[in-house]
Amino acid sequence: MFPECYLSDKSKYHRGIAKVIFSLKEYEEALDYALISAELVLNFPQANFLLEQALEKRGDLENAKTAFERASKLKSIIASNFFKP
């Protein structure tokens, strides 16, 4: 099994590749990388936001909504834990 920091770096790498490919309007390939990123670290909101965008471009609005809701929830959880007194 890989250490958590390795998975986090690998997830960030896949998200970065997905972001570049998405900007080139290669949405199907970007979707593959965004999905891998989100699967590697389930609590990575940025990966889920990118996954939502790629799914939306694909026309899969139901799963895009799910990814967006997951990303929003994760982001609020992380923010609330970060700003705890």
C-alpha atoms as a PDB file:
ATOM      1  CA  MET A   1       0.000   0.000   0.000  1.00  0.00           C
ATOM      2  CA  PHE A   2       1.220   3.502  -0.802  1.00  0.00           C
ATOM      3  CA  PRO A   3       1.768   6.124   1.894  1.00  0.00           C
ATOM      4  CA  GLU A   4      -0.920   8.843   2.034  1.00  0.00           C
ATOM      5  CA  CYS A   5       1.511  11.588   0.970  1.00  0.00           C
ATOM      6  CA  TYR A   6       2.366   9.615  -2.204  1.00  0.00           C
ATOM      7  CA  LEU A   7      -1.311   9.222  -3.061  1.00  0.00           C
ATOM      8  CA  SER A   8      -1.856  12.911  -2.448  1.00  0.00           C
ATOM      9  CA  ASP A   9       1.012  13.844  -4.796  1.00  0.00           C
ATOM     10  CA  LYS A  10      -0.228  11.381  -7.394  1.00  0.00           C
ATOM     11  CA  SER A  11      -3.750  12.794  -7.103  1.00  0.00           C
ATOM     12  CA  LYS A  12      -2.434  16.340  -7.543  1.00  0.00           C
ATOM     13  CA  TYR A  13      -0.436  15.208 -10.587  1.00  0.00           C
ATOM     14  CA  HIS A  14      -3.518  13.672 -12.240  1.00  0.00           C
ATOM     15  CA  ARG A  15      -5.595  16.753 -11.439  1.00  0.00           C
ATOM     16  CA  GLY A  16      -2.927  18.968 -13.009  1.00  0.00           C
ATOM     17  CA  ILE A  17      -2.871  16.870 -16.176  1.00  0.00           C
ATOM     18  CA  ALA A  18      -6.688  16.899 -16.260  1.00  0.00           C
ATOM     19  CA  LYS A  19      -6.722  20.684 -15.914  1.00  0.00           C
ATOM     20  CA  VAL A  20      -4.322  21.158 -18.842  1.00  0.00           C
ATOM     21  CA  ILE A  21      -6.178  18.670 -21.042  1.00  0.00           C
ATOM     22  CA  PHE A  22      -9.503  20.301 -20.109  1.00  0.00           C
ATOM     23  CA  SER A  23      -8.145  23.697 -21.176  1.00  0.00           C
ATOM     24  CA  LEU A  24      -7.326  22.114 -24.553  1.00  0.00           C
ATOM     25  CA  LYS A  25     -11.009  21.099 -24.793  1.00  0.00           C
ATOM     26  CA  GLU A  26     -10.194  17.381 -24.732  1.00  0.00           C
ATOM     27  CA  TYR A  27     -12.986  16.740 -22.266  1.00  0.00           C
ATOM     28  CA  GLU A  28     -13.144  12.926 -22.444  1.00  0.00           C
ATOM     29  CA  GLU A  29      -9.435  12.556 -21.703  1.00  0.00           C
ATOM     30  CA  ALA A  30      -9.639  15.220 -18.993  1.00  0.00           C
ATOM     31  CA  LEU A  31     -12.496  13.257 -17.456  1.00  0.00           C
ATOM     32  CA  ASP A  32     -10.286  10.156 -17.206  1.00  0.00           C
ATOM     33  CA  TYR A  33      -7.535  12.034 -15.349  1.00  0.00           C
ATOM     34  CA  ALA A  34      -9.980  13.901 -13.099  1.00  0.00           C
ATOM     35  CA  LEU A  35     -11.656  10.624 -12.176  1.00  0.00           C
ATOM     36  CA  ILE A  36      -8.319   9.025 -11.263  1.00  0.00           C
ATOM     37  CA  SER A  37      -7.421  12.071  -9.160  1.00  0.00           C
ATOM     38  CA  ALA A  38     -10.725  11.971  -7.297  1.00  0.00           C
ATOM     39  CA  GLU A  39     -10.457   8.220  -6.730  1.00  0.00           C
ATOM     40  CA  LEU A  40      -6.896   8.398  -5.374  1.00  0.00           C
ATOM     41  CA  VAL A  41      -7.815  10.863  -2.640  1.00  0.00           C
ATOM     42  CA  LEU A  42     -11.540  10.890  -1.985  1.00  0.00           C
ATOM     43  CA  ASN A  43     -11.426  14.093   0.078  1.00  0.00           C
ATOM     44  CA  PHE A  44      -9.780  16.249  -2.634  1.00  0.00           C
ATOM     45  CA  PRO A  45     -12.399  18.896  -3.494  1.00  0.00           C
ATOM     46  CA  GLN A  46     -10.443  20.414  -6.405  1.00  0.00           C
ATOM     47  CA  ALA A  47     -10.392  17.042  -8.164  1.00  0.00           C
ATOM     48  CA  ASN A  48     -14.138  16.715  -7.699  1.00  0.00           C
ATOM     49  CA  PHE A  49     -14.772  20.227  -9.049  1.00  0.00           C
ATOM     50  CA  LEU A  50     -12.770  19.402 -12.168  1.00  0.00           C
ATOM     51  CA  LEU A  51     -14.563  16.065 -12.454  1.00  0.00           C
ATOM     52  CA  GLU A  52     -17.860  17.964 -12.335  1.00  0.00           C
ATOM     53  CA  GLN A  53     -16.781  20.280 -15.149  1.00  0.00           C
ATOM     54  CA  ALA A  54     -15.656  17.405 -17.375  1.00  0.00           C
ATOM     55  CA  LEU A  55     -18.854  15.443 -16.714  1.00  0.00           C
ATOM     56  CA  GLU A  56     -20.906  18.524 -17.548  1.00  0.00           C
ATOM     57  CA  LYS A  57     -19.078  18.950 -20.872  1.00  0.00           C
ATOM     58  CA  ARG A  58     -19.794  15.298 -21.591  1.00  0.00           C
ATOM     59  CA  GLY A  59     -23.493  15.923 -20.973  1.00  0.00           C
ATOM     60  CA  ASP A  60     -23.661  13.701 -17.887  1.00  0.00           C
ATOM     61  CA  LEU A  61     -25.483  16.258 -15.773  1.00  0.00           C
ATOM     62  CA  GLU A  62     -26.660  13.853 -13.063  1.00  0.00           C
ATOM     63  CA  ASN A  63     -23.136  12.696 -12.207  1.00  0.00           C
ATOM     64  CA  ALA A  64     -21.821  16.246 -12.645  1.00  0.00           C
ATOM     65  CA  LYS A  65     -24.282  17.398  -9.992  1.00  0.00           C
ATOM     66  CA  THR A  66     -23.158  14.600  -7.666  1.00  0.00           C
ATOM     67  CA  ALA A  67     -19.482  15.505  -8.137  1.00  0.00           C
ATOM     68  CA  PHE A  68     -20.243  19.199  -7.542  1.00  0.00           C
ATOM     69  CA  GLU A  69     -22.192  18.449  -4.373  1.00  0.00           C
ATOM     70  CA  ARG A  70     -19.380  16.208  -3.091  1.00  0.00           C
ATOM     71  CA  ALA A  71     -16.766  18.876  -3.836  1.00  0.00           C
ATOM     72  CA  SER A  72     -18.827  21.604  -2.160  1.00  0.00           C
ATOM     73  CA  LYS A  73     -19.370  19.461   0.915  1.00  0.00           C
ATOM     74  CA  LEU A  74     -15.678  18.567   1.134  1.00  0.00           C
ATOM     75  CA  LYS A  75     -14.648  22.180   0.740  1.00  0.00           C
ATOM     76  CA  SER A  76     -16.966  23.316   3.544  1.00  0.00           C
ATOM     77  CA  ILE A  77     -15.782  20.489   5.836  1.00  0.00           C
ATOM     78  CA  ILE A  78     -12.141  21.377   5.219  1.00  0.00           C
ATOM     79  CA  ALA A  79     -12.830  25.084   5.753  1.00  0.00           C
ATOM     80  CA  SER A  80     -14.754  24.492   8.981  1.00  0.00           C
ATOM     81  CA  ASN A  81     -11.952  22.282  10.356  1.00  0.00           C
ATOM     82  CA  PHE A  82      -9.296  24.798   9.337  1.00  0.00           C
ATOM     83  CA  PHE A  83     -11.022  27.736  11.001  1.00  0.00           C
ATOM     84  CA  LYS A  84     -11.937  26.002  14.261  1.00  0.00           C
ATOM     85  CA  PRO A  85     -11.039  28.086  17.308  1.00  0.00           C
END
